[in-house]
PDB file of all heavy atoms in Angstrom:
ATOM      1  N   PRO A   1      -5.218  -8.084   0.056  1.00  0.00           N
ATOM      2  CA  PRO A   1      -6.232  -9.059   0.464  1.00  0.00           C
ATOM      3  C   PRO A   1      -7.411  -8.354   1.138  1.00  0.00           C
ATOM      4  O   PRO A   1      -7.248  -7.277   1.722  1.00  0.00           O
ATOM      5  CB  PRO A   1      -5.495  -9.942   1.474  1.00  0.00           C
ATOM      6  CG  PRO A   1      -4.046  -9.698   1.248  1.00  0.00           C
ATOM      7  CD  PRO A   1      -3.936  -8.301   0.704  1.00  0.00           C
ATOM      8  N   ASP A   2      -8.586  -8.958   1.057  1.00  0.00           N
ATOM      9  CA  ASP A   2      -9.767  -8.380   1.709  1.00  0.00           C
ATOM     10  C   ASP A   2      -9.474  -8.093   3.179  1.00  0.00           C
ATOM     11  O   ASP A   2      -8.897  -8.919   3.886  1.00  0.00           O
ATOM     12  CB  ASP A   2     -10.958  -9.339   1.613  1.00  0.00           C
ATOM     13  CG  ASP A   2     -11.550  -9.378   0.213  1.00  0.00           C
ATOM     14  OD1 ASP A   2     -11.342  -8.412  -0.550  1.00  0.00           O
ATOM     15  OD2 ASP A   2     -12.208 -10.378  -0.109  1.00  0.00           O
ATOM     16  N   GLY A   3      -9.851  -6.907   3.617  1.00  0.00           N
ATOM     17  CA  GLY A   3      -9.704  -6.527   5.013  1.00  0.00           C
ATOM     18  C   GLY A   3      -8.349  -5.943   5.379  1.00  0.00           C
ATOM     19  O   GLY A   3      -8.147  -5.522   6.508  1.00  0.00           O
ATOM     20  N   LEU A   4      -7.394  -5.912   4.438  1.00  0.00           N
ATOM     21  CA  LEU A   4      -6.069  -5.353   4.709  1.00  0.00           C
ATOM     22  C   LEU A   4      -5.918  -4.057   3.928  1.00  0.00           C
ATOM     23  O   LEU A   4      -6.182  -4.008   2.729  1.00  0.00           O
ATOM     24  CB  LEU A   4      -4.982  -6.349   4.301  1.00  0.00           C
ATOM     25  CG  LEU A   4      -3.551  -5.977   4.671  1.00  0.00           C
ATOM     26  CD1 LEU A   4      -3.373  -5.923   6.191  1.00  0.00           C
ATOM     27  CD2 LEU A   4      -2.580  -6.981   4.075  1.00  0.00           C
ATOM     28  N   THR A   5      -5.503  -3.003   4.610  1.00  0.00           N
ATOM     29  CA  THR A   5      -5.323  -1.698   3.971  1.00  0.00           C
ATOM     30  C   THR A   5      -3.852  -1.292   4.011  1.00  0.00           C
ATOM     31  O   THR A   5      -3.050  -1.876   4.748  1.00  0.00           O
ATOM     32  CB  THR A   5      -6.143  -0.609   4.686  1.00  0.00           C
ATOM     33  OG1 THR A   5      -5.597  -0.417   6.002  1.00  0.00           O
ATOM     34  CG2 THR A   5      -7.617  -0.969   4.775  1.00  0.00           C
ATOM     35  N   ALA A   6      -3.525  -0.274   3.254  1.00  0.00           N
ATOM     36  CA  ALA A   6      -2.167   0.269   3.285  1.00  0.00           C
ATOM     37  C   ALA A   6      -1.836   0.771   4.686  1.00  0.00           C
ATOM     38  O   ALA A   6      -0.712   0.602   5.165  1.00  0.00           O
ATOM     39  CB  ALA A   6      -2.033   1.389   2.255  1.00  0.00           C
ATOM     40  N   SER A   7      -2.812   1.352   5.369  1.00  0.00           N
ATOM     41  CA  SER A   7      -2.595   1.815   6.747  1.00  0.00           C
ATOM     42  C   SER A   7      -2.289   0.650   7.677  1.00  0.00           C
ATOM     43  O   SER A   7      -1.419   0.749   8.542  1.00  0.00           O
ATOM     44  CB  SER A   7      -3.817   2.574   7.266  1.00  0.00           C
ATOM     45  OG  SER A   7      -3.987   3.771   6.563  1.00  0.00           O
ATOM     46  N   ASP A   8      -3.003  -0.464   7.492  1.00  0.00           N
ATOM     47  CA  ASP A   8      -2.730  -1.664   8.299  1.00  0.00           C
ATOM     48  C   ASP A   8      -1.298  -2.148   8.086  1.00  0.00           C
ATOM     49  O   ASP A   8      -0.617  -2.535   9.042  1.00  0.00           O
ATOM     50  CB  ASP A   8      -3.677  -2.808   7.935  1.00  0.00           C
ATOM     51  CG  ASP A   8      -5.125  -2.542   8.286  1.00  0.00           C
ATOM     52  OD1 ASP A   8      -5.389  -1.725   9.196  1.00  0.00           O
ATOM     53  OD2 ASP A   8      -5.992  -3.160   7.638  1.00  0.00           O
ATOM     54  N   LEU A   9      -0.855  -2.148   6.838  1.00  0.00           N
ATOM     55  CA  LEU A   9       0.502  -2.608   6.553  1.00  0.00           C
ATOM     56  C   LEU A   9       1.532  -1.757   7.281  1.00  0.00           C
ATOM     57  O   LEU A   9       2.501  -2.279   7.835  1.00  0.00           O
ATOM     58  CB  LEU A   9       0.778  -2.595   5.052  1.00  0.00           C
ATOM     59  CG  LEU A   9       0.104  -3.691   4.243  1.00  0.00           C
ATOM     60  CD1 LEU A   9       0.349  -3.479   2.756  1.00  0.00           C
ATOM     61  CD2 LEU A   9       0.594  -5.062   4.672  1.00  0.00           C
ATOM     62  N   LEU A  10       1.299  -0.462   7.317  1.00  0.00           N
ATOM     63  CA  LEU A  10       2.229   0.430   7.995  1.00  0.00           C
ATOM     64  C   LEU A  10       2.156   0.249   9.512  1.00  0.00           C
ATOM     65  O   LEU A  10       3.172   0.052  10.170  1.00  0.00           O
ATOM     66  CB  LEU A  10       1.948   1.882   7.614  1.00  0.00           C
ATOM     67  CG  LEU A  10       2.857   2.923   8.263  1.00  0.00           C
ATOM     68  CD1 LEU A  10       4.324   2.666   7.914  1.00  0.00           C
ATOM     69  CD2 LEU A  10       2.433   4.316   7.837  1.00  0.00           C
ATOM     70  N   GLU A  11       0.960   0.312  10.047  1.00  0.00           N
ATOM     71  CA  GLU A  11       0.785   0.297  11.505  1.00  0.00           C
ATOM     72  C   GLU A  11       1.065  -1.072  12.129  1.00  0.00           C
ATOM     73  O   GLU A  11       1.665  -1.151  13.201  1.00  0.00           O
ATOM     74  CB  GLU A  11      -0.627   0.755  11.856  1.00  0.00           C
ATOM     75  CG  GLU A  11      -0.884   2.204  11.496  1.00  0.00           C
ATOM     76  CD  GLU A  11      -2.346   2.596  11.576  1.00  0.00           C
ATOM     77  OE1 GLU A  11      -3.169   1.810  12.092  1.00  0.00           O
ATOM     78  OE2 GLU A  11      -2.662   3.704  11.105  1.00  0.00           O
ATOM     79  N   GLN A  12       0.648  -2.136  11.471  1.00  0.00           N
ATOM     80  CA  GLN A  12       0.754  -3.460  12.071  1.00  0.00           C
ATOM     81  C   GLN A  12       1.984  -4.241  11.616  1.00  0.00           C
ATOM     82  O   GLN A  12       2.451  -5.123  12.330  1.00  0.00           O
ATOM     83  CB  GLN A  12      -0.501  -4.278  11.751  1.00  0.00           C
ATOM     84  CG  GLN A  12      -1.764  -3.671  12.307  1.00  0.00           C
ATOM     85  CD  GLN A  12      -3.017  -4.353  11.786  1.00  0.00           C
ATOM     86  OE1 GLN A  12      -2.970  -5.435  11.208  1.00  0.00           O
ATOM     87  NE2 GLN A  12      -4.157  -3.702  11.969  1.00  0.00           N
ATOM     88  N   HIS A  13       2.490  -3.926  10.414  1.00  0.00           N
ATOM     89  CA  HIS A  13       3.570  -4.737   9.848  1.00  0.00           C
ATOM     90  C   HIS A  13       4.813  -3.935   9.485  1.00  0.00           C
ATOM     91  O   HIS A  13       5.780  -4.496   8.981  1.00  0.00           O
ATOM     92  CB  HIS A  13       3.061  -5.504   8.621  1.00  0.00           C
ATOM     93  CG  HIS A  13       1.898  -6.385   8.937  1.00  0.00           C
ATOM     94  ND1 HIS A  13       2.041  -7.596   9.553  1.00  0.00           N
ATOM     95  CD2 HIS A  13       0.564  -6.204   8.759  1.00  0.00           C
ATOM     96  CE1 HIS A  13       0.844  -8.143   9.732  1.00  0.00           C
ATOM     97  NE2 HIS A  13      -0.063  -7.316   9.247  1.00  0.00           N
ATOM     98  N   ARG A  14       4.748  -2.618   9.677  1.00  0.00           N
ATOM     99  CA  ARG A  14       5.883  -1.729   9.421  1.00  0.00           C
ATOM    100  C   ARG A  14       6.375  -1.789   7.974  1.00  0.00           C
ATOM    101  O   ARG A  14       7.561  -1.839   7.693  1.00  0.00           O
ATOM    102  CB  ARG A  14       7.002  -2.013  10.411  1.00  0.00           C
ATOM    103  CG  ARG A  14       6.576  -1.739  11.842  1.00  0.00           C
ATOM    104  CD  ARG A  14       7.660  -2.003  12.861  1.00  0.00           C
ATOM    105  NE  ARG A  14       8.861  -1.254  12.521  1.00  0.00           N
ATOM    106  CZ  ARG A  14      10.090  -1.673  12.841  1.00  0.00           C
ATOM    107  NH1 ARG A  14      10.277  -2.776  13.484  1.00  0.00           N
ATOM    108  NH2 ARG A  14      11.132  -0.954  12.499  1.00  0.00           N
ATOM    109  N   VAL A  15       5.411  -1.791   7.046  1.00  0.00           N
ATOM    110  CA  VAL A  15       5.707  -1.731   5.615  1.00  0.00           C
ATOM    111  C   VAL A  15       4.965  -0.530   5.046  1.00  0.00           C
ATOM    112  O   VAL A  15       3.742  -0.442   5.167  1.00  0.00           O
ATOM    113  CB  VAL A  15       5.254  -3.018   4.882  1.00  0.00           C
ATOM    114  CG1 VAL A  15       5.507  -2.890   3.389  1.00  0.00           C
ATOM    115  CG2 VAL A  15       5.958  -4.242   5.437  1.00  0.00           C
ATOM    116  N   ALA A  16       5.707   0.378   4.445  1.00  0.00           N
ATOM    117  CA  ALA A  16       5.093   1.574   3.866  1.00  0.00           C
ATOM    118  C   ALA A  16       4.826   1.349   2.381  1.00  0.00           C
ATOM    119  O   ALA A  16       5.750   1.037   1.621  1.00  0.00           O
ATOM    120  CB  ALA A  16       5.998   2.782   4.056  1.00  0.00           C
ATOM    121  N   VAL A  17       3.576   1.491   1.989  1.00  0.00           N
ATOM    122  CA  VAL A  17       3.160   1.411   0.593  1.00  0.00           C
ATOM    123  C   VAL A  17       2.240   2.588   0.317  1.00  0.00           C
ATOM    124  O   VAL A  17       1.673   3.173   1.228  1.00  0.00           O
ATOM    125  CB  VAL A  17       2.438   0.081   0.271  1.00  0.00           C
ATOM    126  CG1 VAL A  17       3.365  -1.111   0.477  1.00  0.00           C
ATOM    127  CG2 VAL A  17       1.170  -0.081   1.088  1.00  0.00           C
ATOM    128  N   ALA A  18       2.104   2.914  -0.939  1.00  0.00           N
ATOM    129  CA  ALA A  18       1.171   3.974  -1.329  1.00  0.00           C
ATOM    130  C   ALA A  18      -0.182   3.339  -1.612  1.00  0.00           C
ATOM    131  O   ALA A  18      -0.269   2.383  -2.395  1.00  0.00           O
ATOM    132  CB  ALA A  18       1.675   4.694  -2.574  1.00  0.00           C
ATOM    133  N   PRO A  19      -1.239   3.825  -0.951  1.00  0.00           N
ATOM    134  CA  PRO A  19      -2.567   3.272  -1.228  1.00  0.00           C
ATOM    135  C   PRO A  19      -2.984   3.562  -2.667  1.00  0.00           C
ATOM    136  O   PRO A  19      -2.810   4.672  -3.166  1.00  0.00           O
ATOM    137  CB  PRO A  19      -3.479   3.975  -0.232  1.00  0.00           C
ATOM    138  CG  PRO A  19      -2.714   5.132   0.297  1.00  0.00           C
ATOM    139  CD  PRO A  19      -1.265   4.901   0.016  1.00  0.00           C
ATOM    140  N   GLY A  20      -3.517   2.547  -3.318  1.00  0.00           N
ATOM    141  CA  GLY A  20      -3.887   2.675  -4.719  1.00  0.00           C
ATOM    142  C   GLY A  20      -4.914   3.748  -5.004  1.00  0.00           C
ATOM    143  O   GLY A  20      -4.875   4.396  -6.050  1.00  0.00           O
ATOM    144  N   GLU A  21      -5.844   3.974  -4.072  1.00  0.00           N
ATOM    145  CA  GLU A  21      -6.877   4.984  -4.321  1.00  0.00           C
ATOM    146  C   GLU A  21      -6.296   6.385  -4.433  1.00  0.00           C
ATOM    147  O   GLU A  21      -6.937   7.288  -4.961  1.00  0.00           O
ATOM    148  CB  GLU A  21      -7.996   4.935  -3.280  1.00  0.00           C
ATOM    149  CG  GLU A  21      -7.562   5.096  -1.857  1.00  0.00           C
ATOM    150  CD  GLU A  21      -7.281   3.774  -1.167  1.00  0.00           C
ATOM    151  OE1 GLU A  21      -7.136   2.736  -1.827  1.00  0.00           O
ATOM    152  OE2 GLU A  21      -7.203   3.793   0.069  1.00  0.00           O
ATOM    153  N   GLY A  22      -5.060   6.569  -3.986  1.00  0.00           N
ATOM    154  CA  GLY A  22      -4.390   7.855  -4.166  1.00  0.00           C
ATOM    155  C   GLY A  22      -4.070   8.133  -5.632  1.00  0.00           C
ATOM    156  O   GLY A  22      -3.727   9.251  -6.000  1.00  0.00           O
ATOM    157  N   PHE A  23      -4.201   7.120  -6.476  1.00  0.00           N
ATOM    158  CA  PHE A  23      -3.927   7.251  -7.906  1.00  0.00           C
ATOM    159  C   PHE A  23      -5.209   7.188  -8.732  1.00  0.00           C
ATOM    160  O   PHE A  23      -5.166   7.045  -9.942  1.00  0.00           O
ATOM    161  CB  PHE A  23      -2.952   6.150  -8.351  1.00  0.00           C
ATOM    162  CG  PHE A  23      -1.629   6.247  -7.639  1.00  0.00           C
ATOM    163  CD1 PHE A  23      -1.422   5.556  -6.456  1.00  0.00           C
ATOM    164  CD2 PHE A  23      -0.622   7.051  -8.131  1.00  0.00           C
ATOM    165  CE1 PHE A  23      -0.212   5.650  -5.784  1.00  0.00           C
ATOM    166  CE2 PHE A  23       0.591   7.159  -7.461  1.00  0.00           C
ATOM    167  CZ  PHE A  23       0.788   6.457  -6.293  1.00  0.00           C
ATOM    168  N   GLY A  24      -6.340   7.258  -8.048  1.00  0.00           N
ATOM    169  CA  GLY A  24      -7.624   7.237  -8.734  1.00  0.00           C
ATOM    170  C   GLY A  24      -8.496   6.091  -8.246  1.00  0.00           C
ATOM    171  O   GLY A  24      -8.036   5.159  -7.588  1.00  0.00           O
ATOM    172  N   GLU A  25      -9.757   6.178  -8.563  1.00  0.00           N
ATOM    173  CA  GLU A  25     -10.735   5.203  -8.088  1.00  0.00           C
ATOM    174  C   GLU A  25     -10.388   3.773  -8.513  1.00  0.00           C
ATOM    175  O   GLU A  25     -10.633   2.833  -7.762  1.00  0.00           O
ATOM    176  CB  GLU A  25     -12.137   5.584  -8.596  1.00  0.00           C
ATOM    177  CG  GLU A  25     -13.248   4.695  -8.092  1.00  0.00           C
ATOM    178  CD  GLU A  25     -13.359   4.646  -6.570  1.00  0.00           C
ATOM    179  OE1 GLU A  25     -13.090   5.661  -5.905  1.00  0.00           O
ATOM    180  OE2 GLU A  25     -13.708   3.564  -6.042  1.00  0.00           O
ATOM    181  N   ARG A  26      -9.808   3.601  -9.678  1.00  0.00           N
ATOM    182  CA  ARG A  26      -9.464   2.247 -10.152  1.00  0.00           C
ATOM    183  C   ARG A  26      -8.380   1.602  -9.296  1.00  0.00           C
ATOM    184  O   ARG A  26      -8.186   0.394  -9.345  1.00  0.00           O
ATOM    185  CB  ARG A  26      -9.024   2.290 -11.608  1.00  0.00           C
ATOM    186  CG  ARG A  26     -10.190   2.635 -12.535  1.00  0.00           C
ATOM    187  CD  ARG A  26      -9.794   2.628 -13.971  1.00  0.00           C
ATOM    188  NE  ARG A  26      -9.312   1.305 -14.353  1.00  0.00           N
ATOM    189  CZ  ARG A  26      -8.663   1.051 -15.468  1.00  0.00           C
ATOM    190  NH1 ARG A  26      -8.424   2.028 -16.321  1.00  0.00           N
ATOM    191  NH2 ARG A  26      -8.260  -0.162 -15.748  1.00  0.00           N
ATOM    192  N   GLY A  27      -7.677   2.405  -8.501  1.00  0.00           N
ATOM    193  CA  GLY A  27      -6.628   1.867  -7.645  1.00  0.00           C
ATOM    194  C   GLY A  27      -7.125   1.350  -6.305  1.00  0.00           C
ATOM    195  O   GLY A  27      -6.355   0.752  -5.551  1.00  0.00           O
ATOM    196  N   ARG A  28      -8.404   1.553  -6.025  1.00  0.00           N
ATOM    197  CA  ARG A  28      -8.956   1.101  -4.738  1.00  0.00           C
ATOM    198  C   ARG A  28      -8.747  -0.401  -4.588  1.00  0.00           C
ATOM    199  O   ARG A  28      -9.006  -1.175  -5.498  1.00  0.00           O
ATOM    200  CB  ARG A  28     -10.441   1.445  -4.647  1.00  0.00           C
ATOM    201  CG  ARG A  28     -11.054   1.116  -3.290  1.00  0.00           C
ATOM    202  CD  ARG A  28     -12.444   1.710  -3.111  1.00  0.00           C
ATOM    203  NE  ARG A  28     -12.492   3.149  -3.338  1.00  0.00           N
ATOM    204  CZ  ARG A  28     -12.044   4.078  -2.475  1.00  0.00           C
ATOM    205  NH1 ARG A  28     -11.489   3.706  -1.357  1.00  0.00           N
ATOM    206  NH2 ARG A  28     -12.141   5.350  -2.765  1.00  0.00           N
ATOM    207  N   GLY A  29      -8.227  -0.800  -3.407  1.00  0.00           N
ATOM    208  CA  GLY A  29      -7.970  -2.206  -3.143  1.00  0.00           C
ATOM    209  C   GLY A  29      -6.594  -2.672  -3.596  1.00  0.00           C
ATOM    210  O   GLY A  29      -6.239  -3.838  -3.445  1.00  0.00           O
ATOM    211  N   TRP A  30      -5.818  -1.745  -4.125  1.00  0.00           N
ATOM    212  CA  TRP A  30      -4.466  -2.040  -4.579  1.00  0.00           C
ATOM    213  C   TRP A  30      -3.471  -1.167  -3.826  1.00  0.00           C
ATOM    214  O   TRP A  30      -3.851  -0.169  -3.205  1.00  0.00           O
ATOM    215  CB  TRP A  30      -4.328  -1.756  -6.076  1.00  0.00           C
ATOM    216  CG  TRP A  30      -5.071  -2.735  -6.923  1.00  0.00           C
ATOM    217  CD1 TRP A  30      -6.423  -2.787  -7.112  1.00  0.00           C
ATOM    218  CD2 TRP A  30      -4.523  -3.812  -7.670  1.00  0.00           C
ATOM    219  NE1 TRP A  30      -6.743  -3.839  -7.940  1.00  0.00           N
ATOM    220  CE2 TRP A  30      -5.596  -4.478  -8.293  1.00  0.00           C
ATOM    221  CE3 TRP A  30      -3.230  -4.272  -7.882  1.00  0.00           C
ATOM    222  CZ2 TRP A  30      -5.401  -5.584  -9.111  1.00  0.00           C
ATOM    223  CZ3 TRP A  30      -3.037  -5.365  -8.700  1.00  0.00           C
ATOM    224  CH2 TRP A  30      -4.117  -6.010  -9.306  1.00  0.00           C
ATOM    225  N   ALA A  31      -2.204  -1.510  -3.882  1.00  0.00           N
ATOM    226  CA  ALA A  31      -1.151  -0.705  -3.264  1.00  0.00           C
ATOM    227  C   ALA A  31       0.047  -0.671  -4.205  1.00  0.00           C
ATOM    228  O   ALA A  31       0.227  -1.563  -5.031  1.00  0.00           O
ATOM    229  CB  ALA A  31      -0.744  -1.281  -1.915  1.00  0.00           C
ATOM    230  N   ARG A  32       0.846   0.379  -4.057  1.00  0.00           N
ATOM    231  CA  ARG A  32       2.049   0.522  -4.874  1.00  0.00           C
ATOM    232  C   ARG A  32       3.262   0.512  -3.957  1.00  0.00           C
ATOM    233  O   ARG A  32       3.330   1.242  -2.976  1.00  0.00           O
ATOM    234  CB  ARG A  32       1.995   1.836  -5.650  1.00  0.00           C
ATOM    235  CG  ARG A  32       3.119   1.956  -6.667  1.00  0.00           C
ATOM    236  CD  ARG A  32       2.992   3.221  -7.461  1.00  0.00           C
ATOM    237  NE  ARG A  32       3.616   4.310  -6.724  1.00  0.00           N
ATOM    238  CZ  ARG A  32       3.982   5.459  -7.268  1.00  0.00           C
ATOM    239  NH1 ARG A  32       3.760   5.696  -8.549  1.00  0.00           N
ATOM    240  NH2 ARG A  32       4.536   6.389  -6.540  1.00  0.00           N
ATOM    241  N   LEU A  33       4.203  -0.348  -4.278  1.00  0.00           N
ATOM    242  CA  LEU A  33       5.423  -0.515  -3.502  1.00  0.00           C
ATOM    243  C   LEU A  33       6.604  -0.026  -4.335  1.00  0.00           C
ATOM    244  O   LEU A  33       6.767  -0.444  -5.484  1.00  0.00           O
ATOM    245  CB  LEU A  33       5.615  -1.998  -3.155  1.00  0.00           C
ATOM    246  CG  LEU A  33       6.898  -2.396  -2.444  1.00  0.00           C
ATOM    247  CD1 LEU A  33       6.898  -1.853  -1.018  1.00  0.00           C
ATOM    248  CD2 LEU A  33       7.030  -3.907  -2.423  1.00  0.00           C
ATOM    249  N   SER A  34       7.400   0.849  -3.763  1.00  0.00           N
ATOM    250  CA  SER A  34       8.586   1.337  -4.456  1.00  0.00           C
ATOM    251  C   SER A  34       9.735   0.350  -4.267  1.00  0.00           C
ATOM    252  O   SER A  34       9.970  -0.153  -3.175  1.00  0.00           O
ATOM    253  CB  SER A  34       8.998   2.702  -3.898  1.00  0.00           C
ATOM    254  OG  SER A  34      10.239   3.098  -4.458  1.00  0.00           O
ATOM    255  N   LEU A  35      10.460   0.098  -5.353  1.00  0.00           N
ATOM    256  CA  LEU A  35      11.635  -0.760  -5.307  1.00  0.00           C
ATOM    257  C   LEU A  35      12.923   0.057  -5.277  1.00  0.00           C
ATOM    258  O   LEU A  35      14.013  -0.500  -5.363  1.00  0.00           O
ATOM    259  CB  LEU A  35      11.640  -1.695  -6.522  1.00  0.00           C
ATOM    260  CG  LEU A  35      10.410  -2.580  -6.689  1.00  0.00           C
ATOM    261  CD1 LEU A  35      10.519  -3.408  -7.954  1.00  0.00           C
ATOM    262  CD2 LEU A  35      10.209  -3.462  -5.477  1.00  0.00           C
ATOM    263  N   ALA A  36      12.793   1.368  -5.130  1.00  0.00           N
ATOM    264  CA  ALA A  36      13.942   2.267  -5.155  1.00  0.00           C
ATOM    265  C   ALA A  36      14.554   2.377  -3.757  1.00  0.00           C
ATOM    266  O   ALA A  36      14.526   3.418  -3.112  1.00  0.00           O
ATOM    267  CB  ALA A  36      13.526   3.636  -5.674  1.00  0.00           C
ATOM    268  N   THR A  37      15.103   1.276  -3.288  1.00  0.00           N
ATOM    269  CA  THR A  37      15.763   1.231  -1.991  1.00  0.00           C
ATOM    270  C   THR A  37      16.815   0.132  -2.023  1.00  0.00           C
ATOM    271  O   THR A  37      16.870  -0.656  -2.974  1.00  0.00           O
ATOM    272  CB  THR A  37      14.731   1.009  -0.859  1.00  0.00           C
ATOM    273  OG1 THR A  37      15.368   1.173   0.405  1.00  0.00           O
ATOM    274  CG2 THR A  37      14.081  -0.350  -0.950  1.00  0.00           C
ATOM    275  N   ALA A  38      17.612   0.073  -1.007  1.00  0.00           N
ATOM    276  CA  ALA A  38      18.666  -0.949  -0.940  1.00  0.00           C
ATOM    277  C   ALA A  38      18.061  -2.349  -0.877  1.00  0.00           C
ATOM    278  O   ALA A  38      16.974  -2.543  -0.340  1.00  0.00           O
ATOM    279  CB  ALA A  38      19.536  -0.700   0.296  1.00  0.00           C
ATOM    280  N   ASP A  39      18.789  -3.310  -1.421  1.00  0.00           N
ATOM    281  CA  ASP A  39      18.312  -4.695  -1.427  1.00  0.00           C
ATOM    282  C   ASP A  39      17.964  -5.198  -0.028  1.00  0.00           C
ATOM    283  O   ASP A  39      16.999  -5.933   0.144  1.00  0.00           O
ATOM    284  CB  ASP A  39      19.357  -5.620  -2.052  1.00  0.00           C
ATOM    285  CG  ASP A  39      19.485  -5.450  -3.554  1.00  0.00           C
ATOM    286  OD1 ASP A  39      18.608  -4.788  -4.165  1.00  0.00           O
ATOM    287  OD2 ASP A  39      20.454  -5.975  -4.124  1.00  0.00           O
TER     288      ASP A  39
END
C-alpha cells in the first residue's frame, strides 16, 4: 500500500519480506514473501 515499505513491515509489524526493488526496478512498490516456513 502507498506509504508502506518492506522496512516498515519489519520494524513496525515484525514481518520480514524481500523488497521488490531488490529484484529490479519493476519490483518497486512490491514485496516478496517466502512461504517456505512452518504453517
